[in-house]
Amino acid sequence: LFTVIKNWNLDVGGYLLIADTWSHSAAKPSLANLQVLVDGLHRYPFDSSLLSSTAELYAQWGYAEEANETVERSLRFADFATAEKLRLAQSTWGKLK
């Protein structure tokens, strides 16, 4: 994965594919594995699907603090519907701590 990212210029679809793959993985990704998606957010800060996927993945794998940080950082860029979706999901993530 890291070799591909170094050598390819991923578009948002590539980052979404990585997110989808991790969401179905039997193995828990490390924070370094998920950092790739944060890098994608820096490149595509207005993509609501990538915003949601990244925050939801952090939460799915028990990284509540990172999930909340991603939401807070992303709210500046999210459209209204995505912001509401993230805030609603965020209300359940406190239970992960």
C-alpha atoms as a PDB file:
ATOM      1  CA  LEU A   1       0.000   0.000   0.000  1.00  0.00           C
ATOM      2  CA  PHE A   2       2.680   2.479   0.978  1.00  0.00           C
ATOM      3  CA  THR A   3       4.669   1.696  -2.187  1.00  0.00           C
ATOM      4  CA  VAL A   4       1.622   2.362  -4.342  1.00  0.00           C
ATOM      5  CA  ILE A   5       0.953   5.680  -2.641  1.00  0.00           C
ATOM      6  CA  LYS A   6       4.552   6.821  -3.080  1.00  0.00           C
ATOM      7  CA  ASN A   7       4.577   5.989  -6.771  1.00  0.00           C
ATOM      8  CA  TRP A   8       1.056   6.937  -7.826  1.00  0.00           C
ATOM      9  CA  ASN A   9      -0.785  10.188  -7.721  1.00  0.00           C
ATOM     10  CA  LEU A  10      -4.047   8.999  -6.182  1.00  0.00           C
ATOM     11  CA  ASP A  11      -7.287  10.729  -6.999  1.00  0.00           C
ATOM     12  CA  VAL A  12     -10.114  10.793  -4.467  1.00  0.00           C
ATOM     13  CA  GLY A  13     -11.379   7.460  -5.792  1.00  0.00           C
ATOM     14  CA  GLY A  14      -8.099   5.819  -4.814  1.00  0.00           C
ATOM     15  CA  TYR A  15      -8.410   7.083  -1.260  1.00  0.00           C
ATOM     16  CA  LEU A  16     -12.026   5.920  -1.098  1.00  0.00           C
ATOM     17  CA  LEU A  17     -10.938   2.468  -2.275  1.00  0.00           C
ATOM     18  CA  ILE A  18      -8.373   2.348   0.535  1.00  0.00           C
ATOM     19  CA  ALA A  19     -11.062   3.387   3.034  1.00  0.00           C
ATOM     20  CA  ASP A  20     -13.481   0.766   1.746  1.00  0.00           C
ATOM     21  CA  THR A  21     -10.805  -1.914   1.946  1.00  0.00           C
ATOM     22  CA  TRP A  22     -10.006  -1.081   5.571  1.00  0.00           C
ATOM     23  CA  SER A  23     -13.692  -0.989   6.477  1.00  0.00           C
ATOM     24  CA  HIS A  24     -13.988  -4.648   5.428  1.00  0.00           C
ATOM     25  CA  SER A  25     -10.648  -5.830   6.786  1.00  0.00           C
ATOM     26  CA  ALA A  26     -10.410  -8.586   9.374  1.00  0.00           C
ATOM     27  CA  ALA A  27      -7.165  -7.033  10.640  1.00  0.00           C
ATOM     28  CA  LYS A  28      -7.195  -3.800  12.592  1.00  0.00           C
ATOM     29  CA  PRO A  29      -5.331  -1.026  10.759  1.00  0.00           C
ATOM     30  CA  SER A  30      -2.689   0.890  12.648  1.00  0.00           C
ATOM     31  CA  LEU A  31      -2.858   4.648  12.970  1.00  0.00           C
ATOM     32  CA  ALA A  32      -0.087   4.813  10.352  1.00  0.00           C
ATOM     33  CA  ASN A  33      -2.274   2.820   7.956  1.00  0.00           C
ATOM     34  CA  LEU A  34      -5.149   5.250   8.409  1.00  0.00           C
ATOM     35  CA  GLN A  35      -2.863   8.287   8.144  1.00  0.00           C
ATOM     36  CA  VAL A  36      -2.946   7.690   4.397  1.00  0.00           C
ATOM     37  CA  LEU A  37      -6.584   8.809   4.438  1.00  0.00           C
ATOM     38  CA  VAL A  38      -5.721  11.963   6.355  1.00  0.00           C
ATOM     39  CA  ASP A  39      -3.190  12.699   3.632  1.00  0.00           C
ATOM     40  CA  GLY A  40      -6.066  12.295   1.183  1.00  0.00           C
ATOM     41  CA  LEU A  41      -8.113  14.799   3.182  1.00  0.00           C
ATOM     42  CA  HIS A  42      -5.315  17.336   2.791  1.00  0.00           C
ATOM     43  CA  ARG A  43      -5.492  16.852  -0.983  1.00  0.00           C
ATOM     44  CA  TYR A  44      -9.307  16.724  -1.190  1.00  0.00           C
ATOM     45  CA  PRO A  45     -10.645  18.644   1.832  1.00  0.00           C
ATOM     46  CA  PHE A  46     -14.083  19.227   0.304  1.00  0.00           C
ATOM     47  CA  ASP A  47     -14.897  15.612  -0.540  1.00  0.00           C
ATOM     48  CA  SER A  48     -17.731  14.667   1.798  1.00  0.00           C
ATOM     49  CA  SER A  49     -17.410  10.920   1.131  1.00  0.00           C
ATOM     50  CA  LEU A  50     -13.745  10.931   2.087  1.00  0.00           C
ATOM     51  CA  LEU A  51     -14.445  13.065   5.161  1.00  0.00           C
ATOM     52  CA  SER A  52     -17.121  10.665   6.367  1.00  0.00           C
ATOM     53  CA  SER A  53     -15.195   7.523   5.510  1.00  0.00           C
ATOM     54  CA  THR A  54     -12.071   8.635   7.336  1.00  0.00           C
ATOM     55  CA  ALA A  55     -13.888   9.637  10.518  1.00  0.00           C
ATOM     56  CA  GLU A  56     -16.045   6.510  10.468  1.00  0.00           C
ATOM     57  CA  LEU A  57     -13.018   4.253  10.005  1.00  0.00           C
ATOM     58  CA  TYR A  58     -11.251   5.773  12.974  1.00  0.00           C
ATOM     59  CA  ALA A  59     -14.371   5.166  15.037  1.00  0.00           C
ATOM     60  CA  GLN A  60     -14.921   1.661  13.666  1.00  0.00           C
ATOM     61  CA  TRP A  61     -11.470   0.588  14.777  1.00  0.00           C
ATOM     62  CA  GLY A  62     -11.647   2.200  18.208  1.00  0.00           C
ATOM     63  CA  TYR A  63      -9.657   5.360  17.559  1.00  0.00           C
ATOM     64  CA  ALA A  64     -12.255   7.670  19.088  1.00  0.00           C
ATOM     65  CA  GLU A  65      -9.893  10.576  19.686  1.00  0.00           C
ATOM     66  CA  GLU A  66      -8.729  10.558  16.068  1.00  0.00           C
ATOM     67  CA  ALA A  67     -12.313  10.182  14.849  1.00  0.00           C
ATOM     68  CA  ASN A  68     -13.375  13.231  16.831  1.00  0.00           C
ATOM     69  CA  GLU A  69     -10.360  15.251  15.697  1.00  0.00           C
ATOM     70  CA  THR A  70     -11.103  14.365  12.080  1.00  0.00           C
ATOM     71  CA  VAL A  71     -14.704  15.497  12.454  1.00  0.00           C
ATOM     72  CA  GLU A  72     -13.752  18.766  14.126  1.00  0.00           C
ATOM     73  CA  ARG A  73     -11.156  19.528  11.461  1.00  0.00           C
ATOM     74  CA  SER A  74     -13.527  18.487   8.682  1.00  0.00           C
ATOM     75  CA  LEU A  75     -16.520  20.548   9.766  1.00  0.00           C
ATOM     76  CA  ARG A  76     -14.908  23.630   8.206  1.00  0.00           C
ATOM     77  CA  PHE A  77     -15.125  21.979   4.793  1.00  0.00           C
ATOM     78  CA  ALA A  78     -18.148  19.688   5.010  1.00  0.00           C
ATOM     79  CA  ASP A  79     -21.429  20.490   3.352  1.00  0.00           C
ATOM     80  CA  PHE A  80     -24.447  20.773   5.642  1.00  0.00           C
ATOM     81  CA  ALA A  81     -25.675  17.187   5.146  1.00  0.00           C
ATOM     82  CA  THR A  82     -22.229  15.704   5.782  1.00  0.00           C
ATOM     83  CA  ALA A  83     -21.701  17.898   8.839  1.00  0.00           C
ATOM     84  CA  GLU A  84     -25.008  16.725  10.321  1.00  0.00           C
ATOM     85  CA  LYS A  85     -24.178  13.088   9.564  1.00  0.00           C
ATOM     86  CA  LEU A  86     -20.756  13.424  11.199  1.00  0.00           C
ATOM     87  CA  ARG A  87     -22.145  15.171  14.280  1.00  0.00           C
ATOM     88  CA  LEU A  88     -24.759  12.459  14.731  1.00  0.00           C
ATOM     89  CA  ALA A  89     -22.195   9.696  14.397  1.00  0.00           C
ATOM     90  CA  GLN A  90     -19.788  11.579  16.654  1.00  0.00           C
ATOM     91  CA  SER A  91     -22.348  11.531  19.450  1.00  0.00           C
ATOM     92  CA  THR A  92     -21.907   7.741  19.686  1.00  0.00           C
ATOM     93  CA  TRP A  93     -18.092   7.711  19.535  1.00  0.00           C
ATOM     94  CA  GLY A  94     -17.613   8.892  23.105  1.00  0.00           C
ATOM     95  CA  LYS A  95     -18.605   5.387  24.141  1.00  0.00           C
ATOM     96  CA  LEU A  96     -15.473   4.018  22.465  1.00  0.00           C
ATOM     97  CA  LYS A  97     -13.061   5.611  24.933  1.00  0.00           C
END
